[in-house]
Amino acid sequence: MFAFCADPDTLEGVRWLACYLTTGKHMAFYASFGTVLLLLAITAPVALLFGFGGAMAARSPVAPLRWFGKGYTAIVRGVPDIAFFLFFVIALDQGFEWLRHQALCPDWDQPVRQGNDFVVCDIAKLPLSSAPQWVHETYGFFLAVLTFAIVFGAFAANVLFGAMRAVPRPQLETAEAYGMSRRQTFWRILVPQMWIYALPGLSNLWMILIKATPLLFLLGVEDIVYWARELGGMKTQVYEYPHPDWRLYYFLALLVFYLGLTKVSEAVLSRLTVRLSHGQATMAGEAQRRAGA
């Protein structure tokens, strides 16, 4: 980045550190912080959408749909996260390729399963071998988002299902007495009021999601933990910038990042709790009414 970085062997002190911290790998390390934040920004609403759908399905009067909703939450919540991340992504990737294989290569006369190998025609592979590197990285990130959303969506479904049941029954009965249909009662009475009951559980789930982002390396994504370990390890004279084992300092930087992200999350969630408690028949809502009186 700097003109004086052309020959690292001649550098000392601050100049050496400035050049060391602006190498291409360090730029990738800095960009990986954005990758984590982008994962959180996309996964949280998608997981909430999965959870809302799962909770609605679990409440459905249609038995097969109700079984699906309860089965989704029970099965995914019962599988250890690390096992899910290790094996589900492989199955998901192969499932996508198998569907493309059936559609694009109907004349294929060889078995897809050949021993331990999974073989599809070249045009069915995801992504194509000729695709640029950014396509491979984007596809890996997409699989990561989908996997995180499915896992945390199951937990969110359980939280939202409990929150829906926590809404006082007299509120729903009053809506029915005013002639509201089942759909109107659900969307106008139940859903707006359930969020205050769901927020504590969703807050915990958000914190767990933040702590789970280091599992990105299991999905082939070069995350901040990968780069901290890669850059912090001891580098001998064969490297441009040799140094002893500095992993402690890199992981301390990650500690500060995660603690800061947690602190900001707590502040936002606290303000959201106050906002959602306004006018609600809860202890927080009652405290607000007394303060206003």
C-alpha atoms as a PDB file:
ATOM      1  CA  MET A   1       0.000   0.000   0.000  1.00  0.00           C
ATOM      2  CA  PHE A   2       2.814   2.402   0.835  1.00  0.00           C
ATOM      3  CA  ALA A   3       5.686   3.165  -1.525  1.00  0.00           C
ATOM      4  CA  PHE A   4       8.307   2.325   1.087  1.00  0.00           C
ATOM      5  CA  CYS A   5       6.922  -1.216   1.438  1.00  0.00           C
ATOM      6  CA  ALA A   6       8.678  -2.428  -1.719  1.00  0.00           C
ATOM      7  CA  ASP A   7      11.503  -4.084   0.254  1.00  0.00           C
ATOM      8  CA  PRO A   8      10.297  -5.370   3.652  1.00  0.00           C
ATOM      9  CA  ASP A   9      13.829  -6.404   4.641  1.00  0.00           C
ATOM     10  CA  THR A  10      14.862  -2.750   4.921  1.00  0.00           C
ATOM     11  CA  LEU A  11      11.988  -1.757   7.194  1.00  0.00           C
ATOM     12  CA  GLU A  12      12.027  -1.257  10.933  1.00  0.00           C
ATOM     13  CA  GLY A  13       9.723  -0.025  13.686  1.00  0.00           C
ATOM     14  CA  VAL A  14       6.556   1.810  12.728  1.00  0.00           C
ATOM     15  CA  ARG A  15       7.198   1.527   8.994  1.00  0.00           C
ATOM     16  CA  TRP A  16       7.550  -2.254   9.254  1.00  0.00           C
ATOM     17  CA  LEU A  17       4.323  -2.467  11.263  1.00  0.00           C
ATOM     18  CA  ALA A  18       2.470  -0.187   8.822  1.00  0.00           C
ATOM     19  CA  CYS A  19       3.489  -2.354   5.886  1.00  0.00           C
ATOM     20  CA  TYR A  20       2.771  -5.562   7.790  1.00  0.00           C
ATOM     21  CA  LEU A  21      -0.772  -4.465   8.702  1.00  0.00           C
ATOM     22  CA  THR A  22      -1.609  -3.466   5.117  1.00  0.00           C
ATOM     23  CA  THR A  23      -0.656  -6.645   3.285  1.00  0.00           C
ATOM     24  CA  GLY A  24      -3.172  -8.410   1.078  1.00  0.00           C
ATOM     25  CA  LYS A  25      -3.862 -11.045   3.713  1.00  0.00           C
ATOM     26  CA  HIS A  26      -4.520  -8.414   6.333  1.00  0.00           C
ATOM     27  CA  MET A  27      -6.946  -6.691   3.988  1.00  0.00           C
ATOM     28  CA  ALA A  28      -8.749 -10.029   3.676  1.00  0.00           C
ATOM     29  CA  PHE A  29      -8.701 -10.249   7.483  1.00  0.00           C
ATOM     30  CA  TYR A  30     -10.329  -6.821   7.779  1.00  0.00           C
ATOM     31  CA  ALA A  31     -12.884  -7.721   5.118  1.00  0.00           C
ATOM     32  CA  SER A  32     -13.786 -10.876   7.067  1.00  0.00           C
ATOM     33  CA  PHE A  33     -15.225  -8.668   9.840  1.00  0.00           C
ATOM     34  CA  GLY A  34     -17.643  -7.355   7.232  1.00  0.00           C
ATOM     35  CA  THR A  35     -18.400 -10.948   6.230  1.00  0.00           C
ATOM     36  CA  VAL A  36     -19.448 -11.752   9.810  1.00  0.00           C
ATOM     37  CA  LEU A  37     -21.621  -8.634  10.058  1.00  0.00           C
ATOM     38  CA  LEU A  38     -23.192  -9.367   6.667  1.00  0.00           C
ATOM     39  CA  LEU A  39     -23.923 -12.935   7.758  1.00  0.00           C
ATOM     40  CA  LEU A  40     -25.672 -11.648  10.889  1.00  0.00           C
ATOM     41  CA  ALA A  41     -27.607  -8.998   8.953  1.00  0.00           C
ATOM     42  CA  ILE A  42     -28.948 -11.549   6.455  1.00  0.00           C
ATOM     43  CA  THR A  43     -29.303 -14.604   8.681  1.00  0.00           C
ATOM     44  CA  ALA A  44     -31.260 -12.922  11.487  1.00  0.00           C
ATOM     45  CA  PRO A  45     -34.314 -11.908   9.393  1.00  0.00           C
ATOM     46  CA  VAL A  46     -34.206 -15.123   7.338  1.00  0.00           C
ATOM     47  CA  ALA A  47     -34.053 -17.258  10.505  1.00  0.00           C
ATOM     48  CA  LEU A  48     -36.889 -15.193  11.977  1.00  0.00           C
ATOM     49  CA  LEU A  49     -38.907 -15.855   8.828  1.00  0.00           C
ATOM     50  CA  PHE A  50     -38.202 -19.593   9.097  1.00  0.00           C
ATOM     51  CA  GLY A  51     -39.132 -19.468  12.771  1.00  0.00           C
ATOM     52  CA  PHE A  52     -42.367 -17.606  12.142  1.00  0.00           C
ATOM     53  CA  GLY A  53     -43.323 -20.121   9.478  1.00  0.00           C
ATOM     54  CA  GLY A  54     -42.453 -23.010  11.792  1.00  0.00           C
ATOM     55  CA  ALA A  55     -44.487 -21.511  14.647  1.00  0.00           C
ATOM     56  CA  MET A  56     -47.493 -20.950  12.363  1.00  0.00           C
ATOM     57  CA  ALA A  57     -47.212 -24.508  11.097  1.00  0.00           C
ATOM     58  CA  ALA A  58     -47.028 -25.870  14.665  1.00  0.00           C
ATOM     59  CA  ARG A  59     -50.282 -24.014  15.487  1.00  0.00           C
ATOM     60  CA  SER A  60     -52.062 -25.114  12.339  1.00  0.00           C
ATOM     61  CA  PRO A  61     -55.333 -27.035  12.666  1.00  0.00           C
ATOM     62  CA  VAL A  62     -54.214 -29.122   9.662  1.00  0.00           C
ATOM     63  CA  ALA A  63     -52.553 -32.184  11.169  1.00  0.00           C
ATOM     64  CA  PRO A  64     -49.795 -32.819   8.524  1.00  0.00           C
ATOM     65  CA  LEU A  65     -48.754 -29.160   8.623  1.00  0.00           C
ATOM     66  CA  ARG A  66     -48.770 -29.190  12.419  1.00  0.00           C
ATOM     67  CA  TRP A  67     -46.643 -32.338  12.464  1.00  0.00           C
ATOM     68  CA  PHE A  68     -44.199 -30.735  10.035  1.00  0.00           C
ATOM     69  CA  GLY A  69     -43.849 -27.600  12.183  1.00  0.00           C
ATOM     70  CA  LYS A  70     -43.316 -29.515  15.401  1.00  0.00           C
ATOM     71  CA  GLY A  71     -41.028 -32.025  13.705  1.00  0.00           C
ATOM     72  CA  TYR A  72     -38.874 -29.239  12.247  1.00  0.00           C
ATOM     73  CA  THR A  73     -38.341 -27.598  15.631  1.00  0.00           C
ATOM     74  CA  ALA A  74     -37.783 -30.889  17.463  1.00  0.00           C
ATOM     75  CA  ILE A  75     -35.365 -32.477  14.974  1.00  0.00           C
ATOM     76  CA  VAL A  76     -33.178 -29.454  14.243  1.00  0.00           C
ATOM     77  CA  ARG A  77     -33.006 -28.420  17.905  1.00  0.00           C
ATOM     78  CA  GLY A  78     -32.093 -31.975  18.863  1.00  0.00           C
ATOM     79  CA  VAL A  79     -29.088 -32.258  16.535  1.00  0.00           C
ATOM     80  CA  PRO A  80     -25.774 -30.777  17.794  1.00  0.00           C
ATOM     81  CA  ASP A  81     -24.958 -27.629  15.836  1.00  0.00           C
ATOM     82  CA  ILE A  82     -21.476 -28.742  14.860  1.00  0.00           C
ATOM     83  CA  ALA A  83     -22.799 -32.037  13.446  1.00  0.00           C
ATOM     84  CA  PHE A  84     -25.472 -30.141  11.537  1.00  0.00           C
ATOM     85  CA  PHE A  85     -22.913 -27.747  10.073  1.00  0.00           C
ATOM     86  CA  LEU A  86     -20.530 -30.550   9.141  1.00  0.00           C
ATOM     87  CA  PHE A  87     -22.977 -32.837   7.343  1.00  0.00           C
ATOM     88  CA  PHE A  88     -26.048 -30.835   6.403  1.00  0.00           C
ATOM     89  CA  VAL A  89     -24.131 -28.457   4.129  1.00  0.00           C
ATOM     90  CA  ILE A  90     -22.712 -31.374   2.169  1.00  0.00           C
ATOM     91  CA  ALA A  91     -26.178 -32.884   1.776  1.00  0.00           C
ATOM     92  CA  LEU A  92     -27.641 -29.506   0.814  1.00  0.00           C
ATOM     93  CA  ASP A  93     -24.957 -28.900  -1.808  1.00  0.00           C
ATOM     94  CA  GLN A  94     -25.389 -32.373  -3.263  1.00  0.00           C
ATOM     95  CA  GLY A  95     -29.167 -31.938  -3.253  1.00  0.00           C
ATOM     96  CA  PHE A  96     -28.901 -28.785  -5.366  1.00  0.00           C
ATOM     97  CA  GLU A  97     -26.515 -30.484  -7.791  1.00  0.00           C
ATOM     98  CA  TRP A  98     -28.740 -33.568  -8.033  1.00  0.00           C
ATOM     99  CA  LEU A  99     -31.763 -31.431  -8.967  1.00  0.00           C
ATOM    100  CA  ARG A 100     -29.743 -29.615 -11.628  1.00  0.00           C
ATOM    101  CA  HIS A 101     -28.395 -32.956 -12.837  1.00  0.00           C
ATOM    102  CA  GLN A 102     -31.915 -34.352 -13.296  1.00  0.00           C
ATOM    103  CA  ALA A 103     -33.021 -31.245 -15.196  1.00  0.00           C
ATOM    104  CA  LEU A 104     -29.934 -30.569 -17.334  1.00  0.00           C
ATOM    105  CA  CYS A 105     -28.599 -34.066 -17.988  1.00  0.00           C
ATOM    106  CA  PRO A 106     -31.585 -36.403 -18.572  1.00  0.00           C
ATOM    107  CA  ASP A 107     -29.511 -38.674 -20.851  1.00  0.00           C
ATOM    108  CA  TRP A 108     -26.877 -39.398 -18.196  1.00  0.00           C
ATOM    109  CA  ASP A 109     -26.486 -43.192 -18.015  1.00  0.00           C
ATOM    110  CA  GLN A 110     -24.110 -43.501 -15.050  1.00  0.00           C
ATOM    111  CA  PRO A 111     -25.029 -43.706 -11.365  1.00  0.00           C
ATOM    112  CA  VAL A 112     -24.664 -40.511  -9.390  1.00  0.00           C
ATOM    113  CA  ARG A 113     -23.368 -42.443  -6.398  1.00  0.00           C
ATOM    114  CA  GLN A 114     -20.113 -44.175  -7.300  1.00  0.00           C
ATOM    115  CA  GLY A 115     -18.719 -45.581  -4.080  1.00  0.00           C
ATOM    116  CA  ASN A 116     -17.857 -42.630  -1.855  1.00  0.00           C
ATOM    117  CA  ASP A 117     -17.959 -40.200  -4.794  1.00  0.00           C
ATOM    118  CA  PHE A 118     -20.894 -38.035  -5.825  1.00  0.00           C
ATOM    119  CA  VAL A 119     -20.651 -37.578  -9.598  1.00  0.00           C
ATOM    120  CA  VAL A 120     -22.885 -35.336 -11.710  1.00  0.00           C
ATOM    121  CA  CYS A 121     -22.450 -33.939 -15.188  1.00  0.00           C
ATOM    122  CA  ASP A 122     -20.191 -30.900 -15.515  1.00  0.00           C
ATOM    123  CA  ILE A 123     -22.968 -28.412 -16.279  1.00  0.00           C
ATOM    124  CA  ALA A 124     -24.861 -29.470 -13.140  1.00  0.00           C
ATOM    125  CA  LYS A 125     -22.064 -28.621 -10.728  1.00  0.00           C
ATOM    126  CA  LEU A 126     -22.551 -25.697  -8.349  1.00  0.00           C
ATOM    127  CA  PRO A 127     -20.777 -23.504  -9.027  1.00  0.00           C
ATOM    128  CA  LEU A 128     -19.292 -24.399 -12.408  1.00  0.00           C
ATOM    129  CA  SER A 129     -15.593 -25.198 -12.386  1.00  0.00           C
ATOM    130  CA  SER A 130     -15.053 -22.390 -14.902  1.00  0.00           C
ATOM    131  CA  ALA A 131     -16.774 -19.820 -12.693  1.00  0.00           C
ATOM    132  CA  PRO A 132     -14.612 -17.036 -11.212  1.00  0.00           C
ATOM    133  CA  GLN A 133     -13.458 -17.180  -7.612  1.00  0.00           C
ATOM    134  CA  TRP A 134     -16.027 -14.676  -6.360  1.00  0.00           C
ATOM    135  CA  VAL A 135     -18.822 -16.962  -7.554  1.00  0.00           C
ATOM    136  CA  HIS A 136     -17.422 -19.849  -5.498  1.00  0.00           C
ATOM    137  CA  GLU A 137     -17.125 -17.587  -2.451  1.00  0.00           C
ATOM    138  CA  THR A 138     -20.651 -16.211  -2.905  1.00  0.00           C
ATOM    139  CA  TYR A 139     -22.079 -19.708  -3.237  1.00  0.00           C
ATOM    140  CA  GLY A 140     -20.286 -20.839  -0.076  1.00  0.00           C
ATOM    141  CA  PHE A 141     -21.618 -17.791   1.757  1.00  0.00           C
ATOM    142  CA  PHE A 142     -25.137 -18.554   0.496  1.00  0.00           C
ATOM    143  CA  LEU A 143     -24.916 -22.104   1.871  1.00  0.00           C
ATOM    144  CA  ALA A 144     -23.675 -20.704   5.173  1.00  0.00           C
ATOM    145  CA  VAL A 145     -26.599 -18.267   5.433  1.00  0.00           C
ATOM    146  CA  LEU A 146     -29.126 -20.972   4.580  1.00  0.00           C
ATOM    147  CA  THR A 147     -27.638 -23.407   7.093  1.00  0.00           C
ATOM    148  CA  PHE A 148     -27.529 -20.838   9.888  1.00  0.00           C
ATOM    149  CA  ALA A 149     -31.097 -19.764   9.061  1.00  0.00           C
ATOM    150  CA  ILE A 150     -32.448 -23.313   9.197  1.00  0.00           C
ATOM    151  CA  VAL A 151     -30.709 -24.081  12.504  1.00  0.00           C
ATOM    152  CA  PHE A 152     -31.590 -20.868  14.287  1.00  0.00           C
ATOM    153  CA  GLY A 153     -34.996 -20.754  12.624  1.00  0.00           C
ATOM    154  CA  ALA A 154     -35.919 -23.901  14.552  1.00  0.00           C
ATOM    155  CA  PHE A 155     -35.025 -22.237  17.846  1.00  0.00           C
ATOM    156  CA  ALA A 156     -36.879 -19.089  16.808  1.00  0.00           C
ATOM    157  CA  ALA A 157     -39.933 -21.199  15.949  1.00  0.00           C
ATOM    158  CA  ASN A 158     -39.980 -22.611  19.455  1.00  0.00           C
ATOM    159  CA  VAL A 159     -39.672 -19.125  20.980  1.00  0.00           C
ATOM    160  CA  LEU A 160     -42.415 -17.660  18.794  1.00  0.00           C
ATOM    161  CA  PHE A 161     -44.707 -20.626  19.402  1.00  0.00           C
ATOM    162  CA  GLY A 162     -44.404 -20.053  23.143  1.00  0.00           C
ATOM    163  CA  ALA A 163     -44.895 -16.299  22.707  1.00  0.00           C
ATOM    164  CA  MET A 164     -48.111 -16.863  20.761  1.00  0.00           C
ATOM    165  CA  ARG A 165     -49.446 -19.023  23.574  1.00  0.00           C
ATOM    166  CA  ALA A 166     -48.453 -16.377  26.136  1.00  0.00           C
ATOM    167  CA  VAL A 167     -50.753 -13.697  24.685  1.00  0.00           C
ATOM    168  CA  PRO A 168     -53.699 -13.430  27.136  1.00  0.00           C
ATOM    169  CA  ARG A 169     -56.655 -15.463  25.927  1.00  0.00           C
ATOM    170  CA  PRO A 170     -59.187 -12.685  26.825  1.00  0.00           C
ATOM    171  CA  GLN A 171     -57.548 -10.502  24.151  1.00  0.00           C
ATOM    172  CA  LEU A 172     -58.379 -13.081  21.497  1.00  0.00           C
ATOM    173  CA  GLU A 173     -61.855 -13.687  22.869  1.00  0.00           C
ATOM    174  CA  THR A 174     -62.585  -9.971  22.738  1.00  0.00           C
ATOM    175  CA  ALA A 175     -61.538  -9.880  19.097  1.00  0.00           C
ATOM    176  CA  GLU A 176     -63.834 -12.814  18.340  1.00  0.00           C
ATOM    177  CA  ALA A 177     -66.668 -11.086  20.196  1.00  0.00           C
ATOM    178  CA  TYR A 178     -66.249  -8.059  17.933  1.00  0.00           C
ATOM    179  CA  GLY A 179     -66.732 -10.330  14.933  1.00  0.00           C
ATOM    180  CA  MET A 180     -63.149 -10.677  13.767  1.00  0.00           C
ATOM    181  CA  SER A 181     -62.346 -13.761  11.755  1.00  0.00           C
ATOM    182  CA  ARG A 182     -59.636 -16.239  12.751  1.00  0.00           C
ATOM    183  CA  ARG A 183     -57.234 -14.644  10.266  1.00  0.00           C
ATOM    184  CA  GLN A 184     -57.975 -11.105  11.464  1.00  0.00           C
ATOM    185  CA  THR A 185     -57.529 -12.111  15.101  1.00  0.00           C
ATOM    186  CA  PHE A 186     -54.184 -13.705  14.297  1.00  0.00           C
ATOM    187  CA  TRP A 187     -52.700 -10.807  12.337  1.00  0.00           C
ATOM    188  CA  ARG A 188     -54.248  -7.864  14.190  1.00  0.00           C
ATOM    189  CA  ILE A 189     -54.289  -9.087  17.798  1.00  0.00           C
ATOM    190  CA  LEU A 190     -52.020 -12.092  18.317  1.00  0.00           C
ATOM    191  CA  VAL A 191     -49.016 -11.191  16.163  1.00  0.00           C
ATOM    192  CA  PRO A 192     -48.613  -7.554  17.332  1.00  0.00           C
ATOM    193  CA  GLN A 193     -48.793  -8.574  20.997  1.00  0.00           C
ATOM    194  CA  MET A 194     -46.623 -11.668  20.883  1.00  0.00           C
ATOM    195  CA  TRP A 195     -43.366  -9.825  20.166  1.00  0.00           C
ATOM    196  CA  ILE A 196     -42.972  -8.528  23.706  1.00  0.00           C
ATOM    197  CA  TYR A 197     -43.219 -12.100  25.001  1.00  0.00           C
ATOM    198  CA  ALA A 198     -40.851 -13.401  22.321  1.00  0.00           C
ATOM    199  CA  LEU A 199     -38.197 -10.698  22.686  1.00  0.00           C
ATOM    200  CA  PRO A 200     -36.318 -12.201  25.696  1.00  0.00           C
ATOM    201  CA  GLY A 201     -35.942 -15.526  23.920  1.00  0.00           C
ATOM    202  CA  LEU A 202     -35.080 -13.889  20.605  1.00  0.00           C
ATOM    203  CA  SER A 203     -32.515 -11.704  22.375  1.00  0.00           C
ATOM    204  CA  ASN A 204     -30.770 -14.777  23.750  1.00  0.00           C
ATOM    205  CA  LEU A 205     -30.955 -16.393  20.328  1.00  0.00           C
ATOM    206  CA  TRP A 206     -29.322 -13.338  18.738  1.00  0.00           C
ATOM    207  CA  MET A 207     -26.455 -13.521  21.230  1.00  0.00           C
ATOM    208  CA  ILE A 208     -26.009 -17.222  20.521  1.00  0.00           C
ATOM    209  CA  LEU A 209     -25.995 -16.487  16.791  1.00  0.00           C
ATOM    210  CA  ILE A 210     -23.205 -13.950  17.311  1.00  0.00           C
ATOM    211  CA  LYS A 211     -21.172 -16.534  19.208  1.00  0.00           C
ATOM    212  CA  ALA A 212     -21.833 -19.154  16.520  1.00  0.00           C
ATOM    213  CA  THR A 213     -20.309 -17.124  13.668  1.00  0.00           C
ATOM    214  CA  PRO A 214     -16.833 -18.669  14.211  1.00  0.00           C
ATOM    215  CA  LEU A 215     -18.376 -21.909  12.898  1.00  0.00           C
ATOM    216  CA  LEU A 216     -18.162 -20.310   9.445  1.00  0.00           C
ATOM    217  CA  PHE A 217     -14.784 -21.965   8.911  1.00  0.00           C
ATOM    218  CA  LEU A 218     -16.556 -25.355   8.994  1.00  0.00           C
ATOM    219  CA  LEU A 219     -18.517 -24.235   5.932  1.00  0.00           C
ATOM    220  CA  GLY A 220     -15.429 -23.259   3.955  1.00  0.00           C
ATOM    221  CA  VAL A 221     -15.798 -19.510   4.534  1.00  0.00           C
ATOM    222  CA  GLU A 222     -12.607 -17.639   5.444  1.00  0.00           C
ATOM    223  CA  ASP A 223     -13.862 -15.892   8.558  1.00  0.00           C
ATOM    224  CA  ILE A 224     -12.129 -13.786  11.194  1.00  0.00           C
ATOM    225  CA  VAL A 225     -11.090 -16.826  13.245  1.00  0.00           C
ATOM    226  CA  TYR A 226      -9.455 -18.409  10.191  1.00  0.00           C
ATOM    227  CA  TRP A 227      -7.448 -15.286   9.415  1.00  0.00           C
ATOM    228  CA  ALA A 228      -6.517 -14.646  13.067  1.00  0.00           C
ATOM    229  CA  ARG A 229      -5.066 -18.134  13.280  1.00  0.00           C
ATOM    230  CA  GLU A 230      -3.422 -17.841   9.867  1.00  0.00           C
ATOM    231  CA  LEU A 231      -1.829 -14.419  10.403  1.00  0.00           C
ATOM    232  CA  GLY A 232      -1.017 -14.839  14.075  1.00  0.00           C
ATOM    233  CA  GLY A 233       0.936 -18.059  13.710  1.00  0.00           C
ATOM    234  CA  MET A 234       4.712 -17.879  13.772  1.00  0.00           C
ATOM    235  CA  LYS A 235       6.265 -16.823  10.462  1.00  0.00           C
ATOM    236  CA  THR A 236       9.874 -17.713   9.685  1.00  0.00           C
ATOM    237  CA  GLN A 237      12.340 -15.895   7.457  1.00  0.00           C
ATOM    238  CA  VAL A 238      10.835 -17.515   4.343  1.00  0.00           C
ATOM    239  CA  TYR A 239       7.925 -15.062   4.689  1.00  0.00           C
ATOM    240  CA  GLU A 240       8.065 -11.375   3.829  1.00  0.00           C
ATOM    241  CA  TYR A 241       7.206 -10.314   7.374  1.00  0.00           C
ATOM    242  CA  PRO A 242       8.655 -12.863   9.825  1.00  0.00           C
ATOM    243  CA  HIS A 243       7.425 -12.692  13.415  1.00  0.00           C
ATOM    244  CA  PRO A 244       6.934 -14.951  16.459  1.00  0.00           C
ATOM    245  CA  ASP A 245       3.593 -16.445  17.487  1.00  0.00           C
ATOM    246  CA  TRP A 246       1.197 -13.476  17.723  1.00  0.00           C
ATOM    247  CA  ARG A 247      -2.082 -15.402  17.868  1.00  0.00           C
ATOM    248  CA  LEU A 248      -2.745 -14.069  21.365  1.00  0.00           C
ATOM    249  CA  TYR A 249      -2.927 -10.504  20.054  1.00  0.00           C
ATOM    250  CA  TYR A 250      -5.109 -11.415  17.100  1.00  0.00           C
ATOM    251  CA  PHE A 251      -7.563 -13.306  19.277  1.00  0.00           C
ATOM    252  CA  LEU A 252      -7.598 -10.435  21.768  1.00  0.00           C
ATOM    253  CA  ALA A 253      -8.714  -8.244  18.863  1.00  0.00           C
ATOM    254  CA  LEU A 254     -11.513 -10.731  18.168  1.00  0.00           C
ATOM    255  CA  LEU A 255     -12.442 -10.621  21.864  1.00  0.00           C
ATOM    256  CA  VAL A 256     -12.804  -6.846  21.712  1.00  0.00           C
ATOM    257  CA  PHE A 257     -14.851  -7.115  18.512  1.00  0.00           C
ATOM    258  CA  TYR A 258     -17.298  -9.657  19.916  1.00  0.00           C
ATOM    259  CA  LEU A 259     -17.636  -7.873  23.258  1.00  0.00           C
ATOM    260  CA  GLY A 260     -18.315  -4.593  21.449  1.00  0.00           C
ATOM    261  CA  LEU A 261     -20.880  -6.234  19.191  1.00  0.00           C
ATOM    262  CA  THR A 262     -22.563  -7.784  22.232  1.00  0.00           C
ATOM    263  CA  LYS A 263     -22.659  -4.431  24.050  1.00  0.00           C
ATOM    264  CA  VAL A 264     -24.230  -2.663  21.080  1.00  0.00           C
ATOM    265  CA  SER A 265     -26.757  -5.493  20.737  1.00  0.00           C
ATOM    266  CA  GLU A 266     -27.733  -5.204  24.398  1.00  0.00           C
ATOM    267  CA  ALA A 267     -28.329  -1.457  24.040  1.00  0.00           C
ATOM    268  CA  VAL A 268     -30.480  -1.897  20.917  1.00  0.00           C
ATOM    269  CA  LEU A 269     -32.477  -4.746  22.435  1.00  0.00           C
ATOM    270  CA  SER A 270     -33.052  -2.762  25.620  1.00  0.00           C
ATOM    271  CA  ARG A 271     -34.516   0.158  23.657  1.00  0.00           C
ATOM    272  CA  LEU A 272     -36.617  -2.253  21.607  1.00  0.00           C
ATOM    273  CA  THR A 273     -37.984  -3.844  24.789  1.00  0.00           C
ATOM    274  CA  VAL A 274     -39.060  -0.443  26.094  1.00  0.00           C
ATOM    275  CA  ARG A 275     -40.740   0.376  22.799  1.00  0.00           C
ATOM    276  CA  LEU A 276     -42.608  -2.919  22.541  1.00  0.00           C
ATOM    277  CA  SER A 277     -43.710  -2.778  26.195  1.00  0.00           C
ATOM    278  CA  HIS A 278     -45.660   0.433  25.630  1.00  0.00           C
ATOM    279  CA  GLY A 279     -49.353  -0.235  26.188  1.00  0.00           C
ATOM    280  CA  GLN A 280     -48.883  -3.962  26.816  1.00  0.00           C
ATOM    281  CA  ALA A 281     -50.408  -5.921  29.700  1.00  0.00           C
ATOM    282  CA  THR A 282     -47.007  -6.836  31.099  1.00  0.00           C
ATOM    283  CA  MET A 283     -44.957  -5.792  34.112  1.00  0.00           C
ATOM    284  CA  ALA A 284     -42.867  -3.464  31.928  1.00  0.00           C
ATOM    285  CA  GLY A 285     -45.993  -1.981  30.372  1.00  0.00           C
ATOM    286  CA  GLU A 286     -47.554  -1.461  33.795  1.00  0.00           C
ATOM    287  CA  ALA A 287     -44.398   0.273  35.016  1.00  0.00           C
ATOM    288  CA  GLN A 288     -44.575   2.646  32.045  1.00  0.00           C
ATOM    289  CA  ARG A 289     -48.225   3.479  32.780  1.00  0.00           C
ATOM    290  CA  ARG A 290     -47.409   4.216  36.422  1.00  0.00           C
ATOM    291  CA  ALA A 291     -44.468   6.399  35.423  1.00  0.00           C
ATOM    292  CA  GLY A 292     -46.675   8.312  32.993  1.00  0.00           C
ATOM    293  CA  ALA A 293     -49.385   8.807  35.618  1.00  0.00           C
END
